[in-house]
Amino acid sequence: MNVQSLGPHESMEIHEMVNFKTLCLAKSKLMQGLVFDKDLKHLMQRDVEMSKRQLSELETIYSHAPFRIDVNTNVPIH
């Protein structure tokens, strides 16, 4: 069985793209409330939808990373 996996540098690059696209998605969603032009609001909504699809695709690719990092959600944040 031939299992493909990403190299460590490729995994980090995918991680950086996920961070960037998440930031773009959040910004577009937040800025929609400040925009009154219908065309611009529609364009921003299309960007939100496209970013969601792209993040889903990146998540699929990232699943081939050679490592996993578990986040401990039980640690209190000060």
C-alpha atoms as a PDB file:
ATOM      1  CA  MET A   1       0.000   0.000   0.000  1.00  0.00           C
ATOM      2  CA  ASN A   2       1.478   3.327  -1.074  1.00  0.00           C
ATOM      3  CA  VAL A   3       0.719   5.969   1.567  1.00  0.00           C
ATOM      4  CA  GLN A   4       1.704   9.506   0.675  1.00  0.00           C
ATOM      5  CA  SER A   5       2.678  11.884   3.422  1.00  0.00           C
ATOM      6  CA  LEU A   6       3.909  15.445   3.526  1.00  0.00           C
ATOM      7  CA  GLY A   7       7.421  16.375   4.457  1.00  0.00           C
ATOM      8  CA  PRO A   8       7.889  18.476   7.607  1.00  0.00           C
ATOM      9  CA  HIS A   9       8.508  21.652   5.581  1.00  0.00           C
ATOM     10  CA  GLU A  10       5.412  21.016   3.477  1.00  0.00           C
ATOM     11  CA  SER A  11       3.356  20.481   6.615  1.00  0.00           C
ATOM     12  CA  MET A  12       4.517  23.803   8.022  1.00  0.00           C
ATOM     13  CA  GLU A  13       3.699  25.586   4.754  1.00  0.00           C
ATOM     14  CA  ILE A  14       0.183  24.110   4.780  1.00  0.00           C
ATOM     15  CA  HIS A  15      -0.149  25.194   8.418  1.00  0.00           C
ATOM     16  CA  GLU A  16       0.841  28.753   7.466  1.00  0.00           C
ATOM     17  CA  MET A  17      -1.725  28.770   4.636  1.00  0.00           C
ATOM     18  CA  VAL A  18      -4.424  27.566   7.038  1.00  0.00           C
ATOM     19  CA  ASN A  19      -3.561  30.381   9.442  1.00  0.00           C
ATOM     20  CA  PHE A  20      -3.625  32.959   6.631  1.00  0.00           C
ATOM     21  CA  LYS A  21      -6.932  31.747   5.162  1.00  0.00           C
ATOM     22  CA  THR A  22      -8.500  31.662   8.646  1.00  0.00           C
ATOM     23  CA  LEU A  23      -7.485  35.270   9.191  1.00  0.00           C
ATOM     24  CA  CYS A  24      -8.871  36.262   5.757  1.00  0.00           C
ATOM     25  CA  LEU A  25     -12.127  34.482   6.506  1.00  0.00           C
ATOM     26  CA  ALA A  26     -12.545  36.195   9.869  1.00  0.00           C
ATOM     27  CA  LYS A  27     -11.746  39.600   8.398  1.00  0.00           C
ATOM     28  CA  SER A  28     -14.225  39.223   5.530  1.00  0.00           C
ATOM     29  CA  LYS A  29     -16.992  38.061   7.869  1.00  0.00           C
ATOM     30  CA  LEU A  30     -16.385  40.923  10.310  1.00  0.00           C
ATOM     31  CA  MET A  31     -16.087  43.602   7.637  1.00  0.00           C
ATOM     32  CA  GLN A  32     -19.409  42.610   6.031  1.00  0.00           C
ATOM     33  CA  GLY A  33     -21.188  44.337   8.905  1.00  0.00           C
ATOM     34  CA  LEU A  34     -19.461  47.620   8.065  1.00  0.00           C
ATOM     35  CA  VAL A  35     -20.137  47.559   4.319  1.00  0.00           C
ATOM     36  CA  PHE A  36     -23.298  49.071   2.839  1.00  0.00           C
ATOM     37  CA  ASP A  37     -22.566  48.631  -0.867  1.00  0.00           C
ATOM     38  CA  LYS A  38     -24.486  45.570  -2.101  1.00  0.00           C
ATOM     39  CA  ASP A  39     -21.907  44.605  -4.720  1.00  0.00           C
ATOM     40  CA  LEU A  40     -19.021  44.785  -2.266  1.00  0.00           C
ATOM     41  CA  LYS A  41     -21.004  42.878   0.364  1.00  0.00           C
ATOM     42  CA  HIS A  42     -21.789  40.177  -2.224  1.00  0.00           C
ATOM     43  CA  LEU A  43     -18.107  39.977  -3.198  1.00  0.00           C
ATOM     44  CA  MET A  44     -17.118  39.619   0.461  1.00  0.00           C
ATOM     45  CA  GLN A  45     -19.711  36.870   0.950  1.00  0.00           C
ATOM     46  CA  ARG A  46     -18.278  34.999  -2.045  1.00  0.00           C
ATOM     47  CA  ASP A  47     -14.825  35.369  -0.473  1.00  0.00           C
ATOM     48  CA  VAL A  48     -16.144  33.873   2.781  1.00  0.00           C
ATOM     49  CA  GLU A  49     -17.645  30.901   0.939  1.00  0.00           C
ATOM     50  CA  MET A  50     -14.489  30.357  -1.101  1.00  0.00           C
ATOM     51  CA  SER A  51     -12.287  30.596   1.990  1.00  0.00           C
ATOM     52  CA  LYS A  52     -14.393  27.940   3.737  1.00  0.00           C
ATOM     53  CA  ARG A  53     -13.977  25.585   0.764  1.00  0.00           C
ATOM     54  CA  GLN A  54     -10.250  26.258   0.600  1.00  0.00           C
ATOM     55  CA  LEU A  55      -9.839  25.628   4.328  1.00  0.00           C
ATOM     56  CA  SER A  56     -11.659  22.324   3.920  1.00  0.00           C
ATOM     57  CA  GLU A  57      -9.307  21.347   1.093  1.00  0.00           C
ATOM     58  CA  LEU A  58      -6.252  22.400   3.114  1.00  0.00           C
ATOM     59  CA  GLU A  59      -7.507  20.348   6.059  1.00  0.00           C
ATOM     60  CA  THR A  60      -7.676  17.275   3.799  1.00  0.00           C
ATOM     61  CA  ILE A  61      -4.126  17.871   2.598  1.00  0.00           C
ATOM     62  CA  TYR A  62      -2.924  18.556   6.151  1.00  0.00           C
ATOM     63  CA  SER A  63      -4.261  15.176   7.262  1.00  0.00           C
ATOM     64  CA  HIS A  64      -1.251  13.674   5.448  1.00  0.00           C
ATOM     65  CA  ALA A  65       1.208  15.484   7.739  1.00  0.00           C
ATOM     66  CA  PRO A  66       3.777  13.128   9.257  1.00  0.00           C
ATOM     67  CA  PHE A  67       3.060  14.393  12.760  1.00  0.00           C
ATOM     68  CA  ARG A  68       0.120  15.184  14.997  1.00  0.00           C
ATOM     69  CA  ILE A  69      -0.040  17.741  17.753  1.00  0.00           C
ATOM     70  CA  ASP A  70      -2.696  17.188  20.386  1.00  0.00           C
ATOM     71  CA  VAL A  71      -3.954  20.295  22.113  1.00  0.00           C
ATOM     72  CA  ASN A  72      -4.625  19.856  25.806  1.00  0.00           C
ATOM     73  CA  THR A  73      -7.855  21.769  26.406  1.00  0.00           C
ATOM     74  CA  ASN A  74      -7.773  21.080  30.153  1.00  0.00           C
ATOM     75  CA  VAL A  75      -4.931  23.522  30.800  1.00  0.00           C
ATOM     76  CA  PRO A  76      -6.183  26.728  32.443  1.00  0.00           C
ATOM     77  CA  ILE A  77      -5.261  29.949  30.654  1.00  0.00           C
ATOM     78  CA  HIS A  78      -4.100  32.778  32.910  1.00  0.00           C
END
